[in-house]
Amino acid sequence: MLKEWRHRRAVQRVTPGDGRPLKRFRWWQMLTRALFHLRLVNDEGRQTAYAVDVKHQNASEGYVTAHLYLDGRHHAESKVPAVFPVQGGTVEVRTSGFGLKRCHYVTAEGAEHQLTPDPASAEGRRARFDRSHPALSRCIGLLSVIVLVIGLVLLILQLAEQVTRAPEGVAQYVGTFTSPIDLSAWGNTVVGIATVAASTERALRLRYSRLLDGAAG
């Protein structure tokens, strides 16, 4: 029920586009822009080209806007999370603090297909690396998960220590807890940078875990 309500509300946020042409992806936009493509064929055999363009510059202002292009022209836009009605279903777009976590075509029957990233984008380059070096790509993906798990464990240990050291609170019931790992400020900075890098790498593959990536953010 809640999911359906959120879906309807997202559809209602969509506003018509202004017809401007889709600009080509430039290499210097890799950290600020994501571009995905979807090609559909109707019953008459005609191909329709959709593109989802997401610019992350407004994230610091508390919102990100997704733009839908139809056959190279601006067709609609919406703040994310966005749900765009398209031929035969919808395109769902969601972001995290590290990039996109969802850009999928969902058919009327419920089947889901991830859109294809533009070859020039950071997501497209990561996808090409995955195709060219699948074994190494899997190792990098596994390393990202390991880094996030380590970061989560360290965060839990530090929070437990801070909570039990409070003058009033749970310490009087469970006693104080001292973390077995005591990182310096420099060490915490390194761990923070590593977890951000790991979550960013996962975002390039549209992978997201509320527990792991959410804690990193």
N, C-alpha and C. Protein backbone atom coordinates (compact mmCIF):
# COMPACT_ATOMS: atom_id res chain seq x y z
N MET A 1 0.83 -1.20 0.00
CA MET A 1 0.00 0.00 0.00
C MET A 1 0.88 1.26 0.00
N LEU A 2 1.86 1.32 0.90
CA LEU A 2 2.75 2.48 0.98
C LEU A 2 3.58 2.61 -0.28
N LYS A 3 4.04 1.49 -0.81
CA LYS A 3 4.84 1.51 -2.03
C LYS A 3 4.03 2.05 -3.20
N GLU A 4 2.77 1.63 -3.30
CA GLU A 4 1.91 2.11 -4.38
C GLU A 4 1.64 3.60 -4.24
N TRP A 5 1.45 4.06 -3.01
CA TRP A 5 1.21 5.48 -2.78
C TRP A 5 2.42 6.31 -3.18
N ARG A 6 3.62 5.84 -2.83
CA ARG A 6 4.83 6.55 -3.21
C ARG A 6 5.00 6.57 -4.72
N HIS A 7 4.62 5.45 -5.36
CA HIS A 7 4.72 5.36 -6.82
C HIS A 7 3.80 6.38 -7.47
N ARG A 8 2.57 6.46 -7.03
CA ARG A 8 1.62 7.43 -7.60
C ARG A 8 2.08 8.86 -7.37
N ARG A 9 2.61 9.12 -6.18
CA ARG A 9 3.06 10.46 -5.86
C ARG A 9 4.23 10.86 -6.75
N ALA A 10 5.14 9.91 -7.00
CA ALA A 10 6.28 10.19 -7.87
C ALA A 10 5.82 10.50 -9.29
N VAL A 11 4.83 9.76 -9.78
CA VAL A 11 4.30 10.01 -11.12
C VAL A 11 3.68 11.41 -11.19
N GLN A 12 3.01 11.83 -10.12
CA GLN A 12 2.37 13.14 -10.09
C GLN A 12 3.39 14.29 -10.10
N ARG A 13 4.63 14.01 -9.68
CA ARG A 13 5.66 15.05 -9.66
C ARG A 13 6.24 15.35 -11.05
N VAL A 14 5.97 14.48 -12.01
CA VAL A 14 6.53 14.64 -13.35
C VAL A 14 5.90 15.85 -14.04
N THR A 15 6.74 16.69 -14.61
CA THR A 15 6.28 17.86 -15.36
C THR A 15 6.75 17.75 -16.81
N PRO A 16 6.01 18.36 -17.74
CA PRO A 16 6.37 18.26 -19.16
C PRO A 16 7.72 18.91 -19.45
N GLY A 17 8.41 18.40 -20.46
CA GLY A 17 9.69 18.96 -20.87
C GLY A 17 9.51 20.14 -21.82
N ASP A 18 10.62 20.75 -22.19
CA ASP A 18 10.57 21.93 -23.05
C ASP A 18 11.04 21.65 -24.48
N GLY A 19 11.35 20.40 -24.78
CA GLY A 19 11.72 20.03 -26.14
C GLY A 19 13.16 20.30 -26.54
N ARG A 20 13.98 20.75 -25.61
CA ARG A 20 15.38 21.05 -25.97
C ARG A 20 16.12 19.75 -26.31
N PRO A 21 17.14 19.85 -27.13
CA PRO A 21 17.87 18.63 -27.53
C PRO A 21 18.76 18.11 -26.40
N LEU A 22 19.00 16.81 -26.43
CA LEU A 22 19.89 16.17 -25.46
C LEU A 22 21.34 16.49 -25.81
N LYS A 23 22.08 16.99 -24.82
CA LYS A 23 23.47 17.32 -25.06
C LYS A 23 24.34 16.09 -24.89
N ARG A 24 25.39 16.03 -25.69
CA ARG A 24 26.32 14.91 -25.63
C ARG A 24 27.05 14.91 -24.29
N PHE A 25 27.36 13.71 -23.81
CA PHE A 25 28.08 13.59 -22.55
C PHE A 25 29.54 13.95 -22.77
N ARG A 26 30.07 14.81 -21.89
CA ARG A 26 31.47 15.21 -21.96
C ARG A 26 32.26 14.56 -20.83
N TRP A 27 33.54 14.31 -21.07
CA TRP A 27 34.33 13.55 -20.10
C TRP A 27 34.43 14.26 -18.75
N TRP A 28 34.43 15.61 -18.76
CA TRP A 28 34.58 16.34 -17.51
C TRP A 28 33.29 16.32 -16.66
N GLN A 29 32.23 15.71 -17.17
CA GLN A 29 30.97 15.63 -16.44
C GLN A 29 30.82 14.32 -15.66
N MET A 30 31.87 13.50 -15.66
CA MET A 30 31.75 12.17 -15.06
C MET A 30 31.40 12.20 -13.57
N LEU A 31 31.81 13.25 -12.86
CA LEU A 31 31.53 13.33 -11.43
C LEU A 31 30.23 14.07 -11.13
N THR A 32 29.63 14.68 -12.14
CA THR A 32 28.45 15.51 -11.89
C THR A 32 27.22 15.12 -12.69
N ARG A 33 27.36 14.13 -13.56
CA ARG A 33 26.24 13.80 -14.45
C ARG A 33 26.18 12.30 -14.70
N ALA A 34 24.96 11.77 -14.81
CA ALA A 34 24.75 10.38 -15.19
C ALA A 34 23.79 10.36 -16.37
N LEU A 35 24.06 9.53 -17.35
CA LEU A 35 23.23 9.45 -18.55
C LEU A 35 23.01 7.99 -18.92
N PHE A 36 21.74 7.61 -19.01
CA PHE A 36 21.37 6.23 -19.33
C PHE A 36 20.41 6.22 -20.51
N HIS A 37 20.43 5.12 -21.26
CA HIS A 37 19.62 5.01 -22.47
C HIS A 37 18.72 3.78 -22.43
N LEU A 38 17.59 3.90 -23.12
CA LEU A 38 16.63 2.80 -23.22
C LEU A 38 16.00 2.84 -24.61
N ARG A 39 16.05 1.73 -25.31
CA ARG A 39 15.42 1.63 -26.63
C ARG A 39 14.31 0.59 -26.57
N LEU A 40 13.13 1.01 -27.00
CA LEU A 40 11.96 0.13 -27.00
C LEU A 40 11.40 0.04 -28.41
N VAL A 41 10.79 -1.10 -28.70
CA VAL A 41 10.17 -1.33 -30.00
C VAL A 41 8.68 -1.59 -29.79
N ASN A 42 7.83 -0.84 -30.47
CA ASN A 42 6.39 -1.04 -30.30
C ASN A 42 5.90 -2.18 -31.17
N ASP A 43 4.59 -2.41 -31.14
CA ASP A 43 4.01 -3.53 -31.88
C ASP A 43 4.16 -3.37 -33.39
N GLU A 44 4.34 -2.15 -33.85
CA GLU A 44 4.48 -1.90 -35.28
C GLU A 44 5.94 -1.97 -35.74
N GLY A 45 6.83 -2.26 -34.80
CA GLY A 45 8.24 -2.38 -35.15
C GLY A 45 9.01 -1.08 -35.10
N ARG A 46 8.36 0.00 -34.68
CA ARG A 46 9.04 1.29 -34.61
C ARG A 46 9.84 1.39 -33.32
N GLN A 47 11.08 1.83 -33.44
CA GLN A 47 11.96 1.95 -32.27
C GLN A 47 11.85 3.34 -31.66
N THR A 48 11.73 3.36 -30.33
CA THR A 48 11.67 4.61 -29.58
C THR A 48 12.89 4.68 -28.67
N ALA A 49 13.57 5.82 -28.70
CA ALA A 49 14.78 5.99 -27.90
C ALA A 49 14.51 6.93 -26.73
N TYR A 50 14.70 6.43 -25.52
CA TYR A 50 14.58 7.24 -24.31
C TYR A 50 15.97 7.44 -23.72
N ALA A 51 16.13 8.53 -23.01
CA ALA A 51 17.38 8.79 -22.28
C ALA A 51 17.03 9.44 -20.95
N VAL A 52 17.71 9.03 -19.91
CA VAL A 52 17.55 9.63 -18.58
C VAL A 52 18.83 10.36 -18.24
N ASP A 53 18.70 11.66 -18.02
CA ASP A 53 19.85 12.52 -17.74
C ASP A 53 19.71 13.05 -16.31
N VAL A 54 20.68 12.74 -15.46
CA VAL A 54 20.64 13.16 -14.06
C VAL A 54 21.88 13.98 -13.76
N LYS A 55 21.66 15.20 -13.29
CA LYS A 55 22.78 16.07 -12.90
C LYS A 55 22.80 16.17 -11.37
N HIS A 56 23.96 15.93 -10.80
CA HIS A 56 24.08 15.86 -9.33
C HIS A 56 24.44 17.19 -8.69
N GLN A 57 24.54 18.28 -9.47
CA GLN A 57 24.98 19.54 -8.89
C GLN A 57 24.05 20.04 -7.78
N ASN A 58 22.75 19.78 -7.91
CA ASN A 58 21.79 20.31 -6.95
C ASN A 58 21.67 19.46 -5.69
N ALA A 59 22.47 18.39 -5.59
CA ALA A 59 22.38 17.52 -4.42
C ALA A 59 22.68 18.27 -3.14
N SER A 60 23.60 19.25 -3.21
CA SER A 60 23.94 20.03 -2.03
C SER A 60 22.78 20.89 -1.56
N GLU A 61 21.83 21.16 -2.45
CA GLU A 61 20.66 21.96 -2.11
C GLU A 61 19.50 21.11 -1.61
N GLY A 62 19.72 19.83 -1.51
CA GLY A 62 18.70 18.94 -0.95
C GLY A 62 17.85 18.22 -1.97
N TYR A 63 18.14 18.37 -3.26
CA TYR A 63 17.34 17.66 -4.27
C TYR A 63 18.18 17.41 -5.52
N VAL A 64 17.74 16.43 -6.29
CA VAL A 64 18.35 16.12 -7.58
C VAL A 64 17.22 15.98 -8.58
N THR A 65 17.41 16.51 -9.77
CA THR A 65 16.38 16.45 -10.82
C THR A 65 16.80 15.48 -11.91
N ALA A 66 15.86 14.63 -12.30
CA ALA A 66 16.08 13.71 -13.41
C ALA A 66 15.30 14.21 -14.63
N HIS A 67 15.91 14.10 -15.80
CA HIS A 67 15.30 14.56 -17.04
C HIS A 67 15.12 13.38 -17.99
N LEU A 68 13.94 13.28 -18.58
CA LEU A 68 13.65 12.21 -19.54
C LEU A 68 13.62 12.80 -20.95
N TYR A 69 14.38 12.19 -21.85
CA TYR A 69 14.41 12.62 -23.25
C TYR A 69 13.78 11.54 -24.11
N LEU A 70 13.00 11.97 -25.09
CA LEU A 70 12.35 11.06 -26.03
C LEU A 70 12.83 11.38 -27.43
N ASP A 71 13.49 10.41 -28.05
CA ASP A 71 14.06 10.60 -29.39
C ASP A 71 14.91 11.87 -29.47
N GLY A 72 15.71 12.09 -28.42
CA GLY A 72 16.66 13.19 -28.42
C GLY A 72 16.11 14.52 -27.98
N ARG A 73 14.84 14.58 -27.56
CA ARG A 73 14.24 15.84 -27.13
C ARG A 73 13.74 15.74 -25.69
N HIS A 74 13.86 16.85 -24.97
CA HIS A 74 13.46 16.89 -23.57
C HIS A 74 11.96 16.64 -23.45
N HIS A 75 11.59 15.54 -22.81
CA HIS A 75 10.19 15.10 -22.78
C HIS A 75 9.53 15.37 -21.43
N ALA A 76 10.28 15.19 -20.33
CA ALA A 76 9.71 15.37 -19.00
C ALA A 76 10.83 15.51 -17.99
N GLU A 77 10.49 15.98 -16.78
CA GLU A 77 11.46 16.07 -15.71
C GLU A 77 10.76 15.89 -14.38
N SER A 78 11.56 15.53 -13.36
CA SER A 78 11.00 15.31 -12.02
C SER A 78 12.13 15.27 -11.01
N LYS A 79 11.83 15.72 -9.80
CA LYS A 79 12.77 15.52 -8.71
C LYS A 79 12.79 14.02 -8.38
N VAL A 80 13.94 13.56 -7.96
CA VAL A 80 14.04 12.14 -7.58
C VAL A 80 13.61 11.96 -6.12
N PRO A 81 13.07 10.78 -5.77
CA PRO A 81 12.85 9.64 -6.66
C PRO A 81 11.82 9.93 -7.73
N ALA A 82 12.14 9.55 -8.97
CA ALA A 82 11.30 9.87 -10.11
C ALA A 82 10.73 8.60 -10.73
N VAL A 83 9.51 8.70 -11.22
CA VAL A 83 8.86 7.61 -11.96
C VAL A 83 8.28 8.22 -13.23
N PHE A 84 8.88 7.89 -14.38
CA PHE A 84 8.43 8.44 -15.66
C PHE A 84 7.59 7.41 -16.42
N PRO A 85 6.37 7.73 -16.77
CA PRO A 85 5.59 6.83 -17.64
C PRO A 85 6.21 6.79 -19.04
N VAL A 86 6.46 5.61 -19.54
CA VAL A 86 7.01 5.44 -20.88
C VAL A 86 6.23 4.31 -21.56
N GLN A 87 6.58 4.04 -22.79
CA GLN A 87 5.91 2.99 -23.55
C GLN A 87 6.01 1.63 -22.84
N GLY A 88 4.89 1.07 -22.49
CA GLY A 88 4.85 -0.27 -21.91
C GLY A 88 5.20 -0.37 -20.44
N GLY A 89 5.38 0.77 -19.76
CA GLY A 89 5.71 0.70 -18.33
C GLY A 89 6.19 2.04 -17.80
N THR A 90 7.17 1.99 -16.92
CA THR A 90 7.71 3.21 -16.32
C THR A 90 9.23 3.09 -16.20
N VAL A 91 9.88 4.24 -16.08
CA VAL A 91 11.31 4.29 -15.78
C VAL A 91 11.45 4.87 -14.38
N GLU A 92 12.09 4.13 -13.49
CA GLU A 92 12.25 4.55 -12.10
C GLU A 92 13.70 5.00 -11.86
N VAL A 93 13.84 6.16 -11.23
CA VAL A 93 15.16 6.73 -10.98
C VAL A 93 15.27 7.10 -9.50
N ARG A 94 16.30 6.60 -8.86
CA ARG A 94 16.57 6.94 -7.46
C ARG A 94 18.06 7.20 -7.30
N THR A 95 18.38 8.09 -6.37
CA THR A 95 19.77 8.43 -6.14
C THR A 95 20.14 8.19 -4.68
N SER A 96 21.44 8.11 -4.44
CA SER A 96 21.98 8.05 -3.09
C SER A 96 22.98 9.19 -2.94
N GLY A 97 23.68 9.22 -1.84
CA GLY A 97 24.69 10.25 -1.65
C GLY A 97 25.93 10.03 -2.50
N PHE A 98 25.98 8.93 -3.26
CA PHE A 98 27.17 8.59 -4.03
C PHE A 98 26.90 8.49 -5.52
N GLY A 99 25.65 8.69 -5.94
CA GLY A 99 25.30 8.58 -7.36
C GLY A 99 23.92 7.97 -7.50
N LEU A 100 23.74 7.21 -8.55
CA LEU A 100 22.46 6.54 -8.76
C LEU A 100 22.44 5.19 -8.07
N LYS A 101 21.29 4.84 -7.52
CA LYS A 101 21.13 3.49 -6.99
C LYS A 101 20.05 2.73 -7.75
N ARG A 102 19.35 3.43 -8.63
CA ARG A 102 18.34 2.76 -9.45
C ARG A 102 18.04 3.59 -10.69
N CYS A 103 18.06 2.94 -11.85
CA CYS A 103 17.63 3.55 -13.10
C CYS A 103 17.13 2.39 -13.96
N HIS A 104 15.90 1.99 -13.73
CA HIS A 104 15.35 0.76 -14.30
C HIS A 104 14.05 1.01 -15.07
N TYR A 105 13.88 0.22 -16.11
CA TYR A 105 12.62 0.19 -16.85
C TYR A 105 11.79 -0.94 -16.25
N VAL A 106 10.61 -0.62 -15.78
CA VAL A 106 9.70 -1.59 -15.17
C VAL A 106 8.49 -1.74 -16.07
N THR A 107 8.29 -2.92 -16.61
CA THR A 107 7.17 -3.15 -17.52
C THR A 107 5.86 -3.22 -16.75
N ALA A 108 4.76 -3.17 -17.49
CA ALA A 108 3.44 -3.25 -16.87
C ALA A 108 3.24 -4.59 -16.17
N GLU A 109 3.99 -5.61 -16.60
CA GLU A 109 3.91 -6.94 -15.97
C GLU A 109 4.81 -7.06 -14.76
N GLY A 110 5.66 -6.06 -14.51
CA GLY A 110 6.51 -6.09 -13.33
C GLY A 110 7.95 -6.49 -13.59
N ALA A 111 8.30 -6.82 -14.83
CA ALA A 111 9.69 -7.17 -15.15
C ALA A 111 10.56 -5.91 -15.09
N GLU A 112 11.79 -6.07 -14.62
CA GLU A 112 12.69 -4.93 -14.46
C GLU A 112 13.94 -5.10 -15.33
N HIS A 113 14.36 -4.00 -15.96
CA HIS A 113 15.55 -4.00 -16.79
C HIS A 113 16.33 -2.72 -16.52
N GLN A 114 17.59 -2.86 -16.17
CA GLN A 114 18.41 -1.67 -15.94
C GLN A 114 18.72 -0.99 -17.26
N LEU A 115 18.64 0.33 -17.28
CA LEU A 115 18.96 1.06 -18.49
C LEU A 115 20.45 0.96 -18.79
N THR A 116 20.81 1.22 -20.02
CA THR A 116 22.21 1.12 -20.47
C THR A 116 22.93 2.45 -20.26
N PRO A 117 24.03 2.46 -19.52
CA PRO A 117 24.74 3.72 -19.30
C PRO A 117 25.41 4.22 -20.57
N ASP A 118 25.49 5.54 -20.71
CA ASP A 118 26.18 6.12 -21.85
C ASP A 118 27.65 5.71 -21.81
N PRO A 119 28.23 5.30 -22.93
CA PRO A 119 29.63 4.83 -22.93
C PRO A 119 30.62 5.85 -22.39
N ALA A 120 30.34 7.15 -22.54
CA ALA A 120 31.28 8.18 -22.09
C ALA A 120 31.16 8.49 -20.61
N SER A 121 30.07 8.04 -19.97
CA SER A 121 29.85 8.35 -18.55
C SER A 121 30.70 7.46 -17.66
N ALA A 122 30.79 7.83 -16.38
CA ALA A 122 31.54 7.01 -15.43
C ALA A 122 30.91 5.64 -15.29
N GLU A 123 29.57 5.58 -15.29
CA GLU A 123 28.88 4.29 -15.21
C GLU A 123 29.15 3.45 -16.45
N GLY A 124 29.19 4.11 -17.61
CA GLY A 124 29.47 3.39 -18.85
C GLY A 124 30.89 2.85 -18.90
N ARG A 125 31.84 3.63 -18.40
CA ARG A 125 33.23 3.17 -18.37
C ARG A 125 33.40 2.00 -17.40
N ARG A 126 32.67 2.07 -16.27
CA ARG A 126 32.74 0.95 -15.31
C ARG A 126 32.12 -0.31 -15.91
N ALA A 127 31.02 -0.15 -16.66
CA ALA A 127 30.39 -1.30 -17.30
C ALA A 127 31.31 -1.90 -18.36
N ARG A 128 32.01 -1.06 -19.11
CA ARG A 128 32.95 -1.55 -20.11
C ARG A 128 34.11 -2.29 -19.46
N PHE A 129 34.59 -1.78 -18.34
CA PHE A 129 35.65 -2.47 -17.60
C PHE A 129 35.17 -3.83 -17.12
N ASP A 130 33.91 -3.91 -16.71
CA ASP A 130 33.35 -5.18 -16.24
C ASP A 130 33.31 -6.21 -17.38
N ARG A 131 32.97 -5.74 -18.57
CA ARG A 131 32.92 -6.65 -19.71
C ARG A 131 34.32 -7.08 -20.16
N SER A 132 35.28 -6.16 -20.06
CA SER A 132 36.63 -6.45 -20.52
C SER A 132 37.43 -7.28 -19.52
N HIS A 133 37.20 -7.04 -18.25
CA HIS A 133 37.95 -7.73 -17.20
C HIS A 133 36.99 -8.23 -16.12
N PRO A 134 36.18 -9.22 -16.43
CA PRO A 134 35.14 -9.68 -15.49
C PRO A 134 35.68 -10.17 -14.16
N ALA A 135 36.78 -10.91 -14.17
CA ALA A 135 37.33 -11.45 -12.92
C ALA A 135 37.84 -10.32 -12.02
N LEU A 136 38.61 -9.41 -12.61
CA LEU A 136 39.13 -8.28 -11.83
C LEU A 136 37.99 -7.40 -11.35
N SER A 137 36.97 -7.25 -12.18
CA SER A 137 35.81 -6.43 -11.80
C SER A 137 35.11 -7.02 -10.58
N ARG A 138 34.96 -8.35 -10.57
CA ARG A 138 34.33 -9.00 -9.41
C ARG A 138 35.17 -8.82 -8.16
N CYS A 139 36.49 -8.88 -8.32
CA CYS A 139 37.37 -8.67 -7.16
C CYS A 139 37.23 -7.26 -6.60
N ILE A 140 37.14 -6.29 -7.48
CA ILE A 140 36.96 -4.91 -7.04
C ILE A 140 35.62 -4.74 -6.33
N GLY A 141 34.58 -5.37 -6.87
CA GLY A 141 33.27 -5.31 -6.24
C GLY A 141 33.29 -5.94 -4.86
N LEU A 142 33.97 -7.09 -4.74
CA LEU A 142 34.09 -7.76 -3.44
C LEU A 142 34.88 -6.91 -2.46
N LEU A 143 35.94 -6.27 -2.94
CA LEU A 143 36.76 -5.41 -2.08
C LEU A 143 35.93 -4.23 -1.56
N SER A 144 35.06 -3.69 -2.40
CA SER A 144 34.20 -2.59 -1.97
C SER A 144 33.30 -3.02 -0.82
N VAL A 145 32.75 -4.23 -0.92
CA VAL A 145 31.88 -4.74 0.15
C VAL A 145 32.68 -4.93 1.44
N ILE A 146 33.88 -5.49 1.31
CA ILE A 146 34.72 -5.73 2.49
C ILE A 146 35.05 -4.41 3.18
N VAL A 147 35.40 -3.39 2.40
CA VAL A 147 35.72 -2.07 2.97
C VAL A 147 34.52 -1.51 3.71
N LEU A 148 33.33 -1.65 3.14
CA LEU A 148 32.13 -1.12 3.79
C LEU A 148 31.77 -1.89 5.06
N VAL A 149 31.98 -3.20 5.04
CA VAL A 149 31.73 -4.00 6.25
C VAL A 149 32.68 -3.57 7.36
N ILE A 150 33.96 -3.40 7.02
CA ILE A 150 34.93 -2.95 8.03
C ILE A 150 34.54 -1.57 8.57
N GLY A 151 34.16 -0.67 7.69
CA GLY A 151 33.74 0.65 8.12
C GLY A 151 32.53 0.61 9.02
N LEU A 152 31.57 -0.28 8.71
CA LEU A 152 30.37 -0.41 9.54
C LEU A 152 30.71 -0.95 10.92
N VAL A 153 31.59 -1.95 10.98
CA VAL A 153 31.99 -2.54 12.27
C VAL A 153 32.68 -1.48 13.13
N LEU A 154 33.59 -0.73 12.53
CA LEU A 154 34.29 0.32 13.28
C LEU A 154 33.31 1.39 13.78
N LEU A 155 32.33 1.72 12.94
CA LEU A 155 31.33 2.71 13.35
C LEU A 155 30.52 2.21 14.54
N ILE A 156 30.11 0.95 14.50
CA ILE A 156 29.32 0.37 15.60
C ILE A 156 30.13 0.36 16.89
N LEU A 157 31.42 -0.02 16.79
CA LEU A 157 32.27 -0.06 17.98
C LEU A 157 32.44 1.34 18.58
N GLN A 158 32.64 2.33 17.74
CA GLN A 158 32.83 3.69 18.25
C GLN A 158 31.55 4.24 18.86
N LEU A 159 30.41 3.95 18.23
CA LEU A 159 29.13 4.41 18.79
C LEU A 159 28.84 3.74 20.12
N ALA A 160 29.13 2.43 20.21
CA ALA A 160 28.90 1.72 21.46
C ALA A 160 29.75 2.30 22.59
N GLU A 161 30.99 2.64 22.27
CA GLU A 161 31.87 3.22 23.28
C GLU A 161 31.36 4.59 23.74
N GLN A 162 30.93 5.41 22.80
CA GLN A 162 30.44 6.74 23.16
C GLN A 162 29.16 6.67 23.99
N VAL A 163 28.27 5.76 23.61
CA VAL A 163 27.00 5.66 24.33
C VAL A 163 27.21 5.19 25.77
N THR A 164 28.07 4.19 25.95
CA THR A 164 28.26 3.65 27.30
C THR A 164 29.13 4.54 28.18
N ARG A 165 29.83 5.51 27.58
CA ARG A 165 30.62 6.42 28.38
C ARG A 165 29.85 7.66 28.82
N ALA A 166 28.62 7.78 28.36
CA ALA A 166 27.80 8.93 28.75
C ALA A 166 27.55 8.88 30.26
N PRO A 167 27.54 10.05 30.92
CA PRO A 167 27.33 10.08 32.38
C PRO A 167 26.06 9.39 32.81
N GLU A 168 25.01 9.57 32.06
CA GLU A 168 23.74 8.94 32.37
C GLU A 168 23.26 8.19 31.13
N GLY A 169 22.77 7.03 31.34
CA GLY A 169 22.28 6.26 30.20
C GLY A 169 22.44 4.77 30.44
N VAL A 170 22.82 4.06 29.35
CA VAL A 170 22.85 2.60 29.41
C VAL A 170 24.02 2.09 30.24
N ALA A 171 25.02 2.92 30.50
CA ALA A 171 26.20 2.45 31.25
C ALA A 171 25.85 1.92 32.62
N GLN A 172 24.86 2.52 33.27
CA GLN A 172 24.49 2.07 34.61
C GLN A 172 23.82 0.70 34.59
N TYR A 173 23.42 0.25 33.41
CA TYR A 173 22.77 -1.05 33.29
C TYR A 173 23.69 -2.11 32.70
N VAL A 174 24.50 -1.73 31.74
CA VAL A 174 25.34 -2.72 31.05
C VAL A 174 26.82 -2.49 31.27
N GLY A 175 27.19 -1.38 31.95
CA GLY A 175 28.59 -1.07 32.15
C GLY A 175 29.17 -0.34 30.95
N THR A 176 30.41 0.05 31.07
CA THR A 176 31.06 0.78 29.97
C THR A 176 31.70 -0.19 28.99
N PHE A 177 31.82 0.25 27.77
CA PHE A 177 32.42 -0.55 26.71
C PHE A 177 33.59 0.22 26.12
N THR A 178 34.72 -0.46 25.97
CA THR A 178 35.90 0.14 25.35
C THR A 178 36.19 -0.58 24.05
N SER A 179 36.21 0.17 22.97
CA SER A 179 36.45 -0.44 21.66
C SER A 179 37.85 -1.05 21.61
N PRO A 180 37.97 -2.28 21.10
CA PRO A 180 39.29 -2.91 20.99
C PRO A 180 40.15 -2.26 19.91
N ILE A 181 39.52 -1.42 19.07
CA ILE A 181 40.25 -0.75 17.99
C ILE A 181 40.18 0.75 18.24
N ASP A 182 41.32 1.35 18.48
CA ASP A 182 41.37 2.79 18.76
C ASP A 182 42.11 3.49 17.63
N LEU A 183 41.35 4.07 16.72
CA LEU A 183 41.95 4.74 15.57
C LEU A 183 42.25 6.20 15.89
N SER A 184 43.33 6.67 15.32
CA SER A 184 43.66 8.09 15.45
C SER A 184 42.77 8.89 14.51
N ALA A 185 42.83 10.20 14.60
CA ALA A 185 42.05 11.06 13.70
C ALA A 185 42.45 10.79 12.26
N TRP A 186 43.76 10.59 12.03
CA TRP A 186 44.23 10.26 10.68
C TRP A 186 43.66 8.93 10.20
N GLY A 187 43.62 7.95 11.10
CA GLY A 187 43.08 6.65 10.75
C GLY A 187 41.60 6.72 10.41
N ASN A 188 40.83 7.49 11.18
CA ASN A 188 39.41 7.65 10.88
C ASN A 188 39.21 8.33 9.54
N THR A 189 40.09 9.27 9.20
CA THR A 189 39.99 9.96 7.91
C THR A 189 40.22 8.99 6.76
N VAL A 190 41.23 8.13 6.92
CA VAL A 190 41.53 7.14 5.89
C VAL A 190 40.36 6.18 5.70
N VAL A 191 39.79 5.70 6.82
CA VAL A 191 38.65 4.80 6.73
C VAL A 191 37.47 5.49 6.06
N GLY A 192 37.24 6.77 6.41
CA GLY A 192 36.15 7.51 5.81
C GLY A 192 36.30 7.66 4.31
N ILE A 193 37.52 7.98 3.87
CA ILE A 193 37.78 8.12 2.43
C ILE A 193 37.59 6.79 1.72
N ALA A 194 38.05 5.71 2.35
CA ALA A 194 37.94 4.39 1.74
C ALA A 194 36.48 3.96 1.59
N THR A 195 35.66 4.23 2.61
CA THR A 195 34.25 3.84 2.53
C THR A 195 33.50 4.66 1.48
N VAL A 196 33.84 5.94 1.37
CA VAL A 196 33.22 6.78 0.34
C VAL A 196 33.60 6.27 -1.05
N ALA A 197 34.87 5.91 -1.23
CA ALA A 197 35.33 5.39 -2.52
C ALA A 197 34.63 4.07 -2.84
N ALA A 198 34.45 3.22 -1.83
CA ALA A 198 33.79 1.93 -2.04
C ALA A 198 32.33 2.12 -2.43
N SER A 199 31.63 3.01 -1.76
CA SER A 199 30.22 3.25 -2.08
C SER A 199 30.08 3.92 -3.44
N THR A 200 31.03 4.76 -3.81
CA THR A 200 31.00 5.39 -5.13
C THR A 200 31.20 4.35 -6.22
N GLU A 201 32.12 3.42 -5.99
CA GLU A 201 32.34 2.34 -6.96
C GLU A 201 31.07 1.51 -7.12
N ARG A 202 30.38 1.24 -6.03
CA ARG A 202 29.14 0.46 -6.10
C ARG A 202 28.04 1.26 -6.81
N ALA A 203 28.02 2.57 -6.60
CA ALA A 203 27.01 3.40 -7.26
C ALA A 203 27.20 3.39 -8.78
N LEU A 204 28.43 3.26 -9.24
CA LEU A 204 28.69 3.19 -10.68
C LEU A 204 28.06 1.93 -11.28
N ARG A 205 27.83 0.93 -10.44
CA ARG A 205 27.17 -0.30 -10.90
C ARG A 205 25.71 -0.36 -10.44
N LEU A 206 25.21 0.75 -9.90
CA LEU A 206 23.85 0.85 -9.38
C LEU A 206 23.59 -0.20 -8.31
N ARG A 207 24.57 -0.36 -7.43
CA ARG A 207 24.43 -1.24 -6.27
C ARG A 207 24.26 -0.38 -5.03
N TYR A 208 23.34 -0.76 -4.17
CA TYR A 208 23.11 0.03 -2.96
C TYR A 208 22.54 -0.86 -1.87
N SER A 209 23.09 -0.70 -0.67
CA SER A 209 22.59 -1.37 0.52
C SER A 209 22.34 -0.30 1.58
N ARG A 210 21.13 -0.28 2.11
CA ARG A 210 20.83 0.73 3.13
C ARG A 210 21.74 0.57 4.34
N LEU A 211 22.12 -0.66 4.66
CA LEU A 211 22.96 -0.90 5.81
C LEU A 211 24.39 -0.49 5.54
N LEU A 212 24.97 -0.94 4.44
CA LEU A 212 26.38 -0.69 4.15
C LEU A 212 26.60 0.72 3.58
N ASP A 213 25.97 1.01 2.45
CA ASP A 213 26.19 2.31 1.81
C ASP A 213 25.53 3.44 2.59
N GLY A 214 24.41 3.12 3.23
CA GLY A 214 23.75 4.14 4.06
C GLY A 214 24.61 4.55 5.23
N ALA A 215 25.30 3.60 5.84
CA ALA A 215 26.19 3.93 6.95
C ALA A 215 27.38 4.74 6.48
N ALA A 216 27.85 4.46 5.26
CA ALA A 216 29.00 5.21 4.71
C ALA A 216 28.61 6.64 4.43
N GLY A 217 27.33 6.87 4.12
CA GLY A 217 26.89 8.23 3.80
C GLY A 217 26.57 9.02 5.03
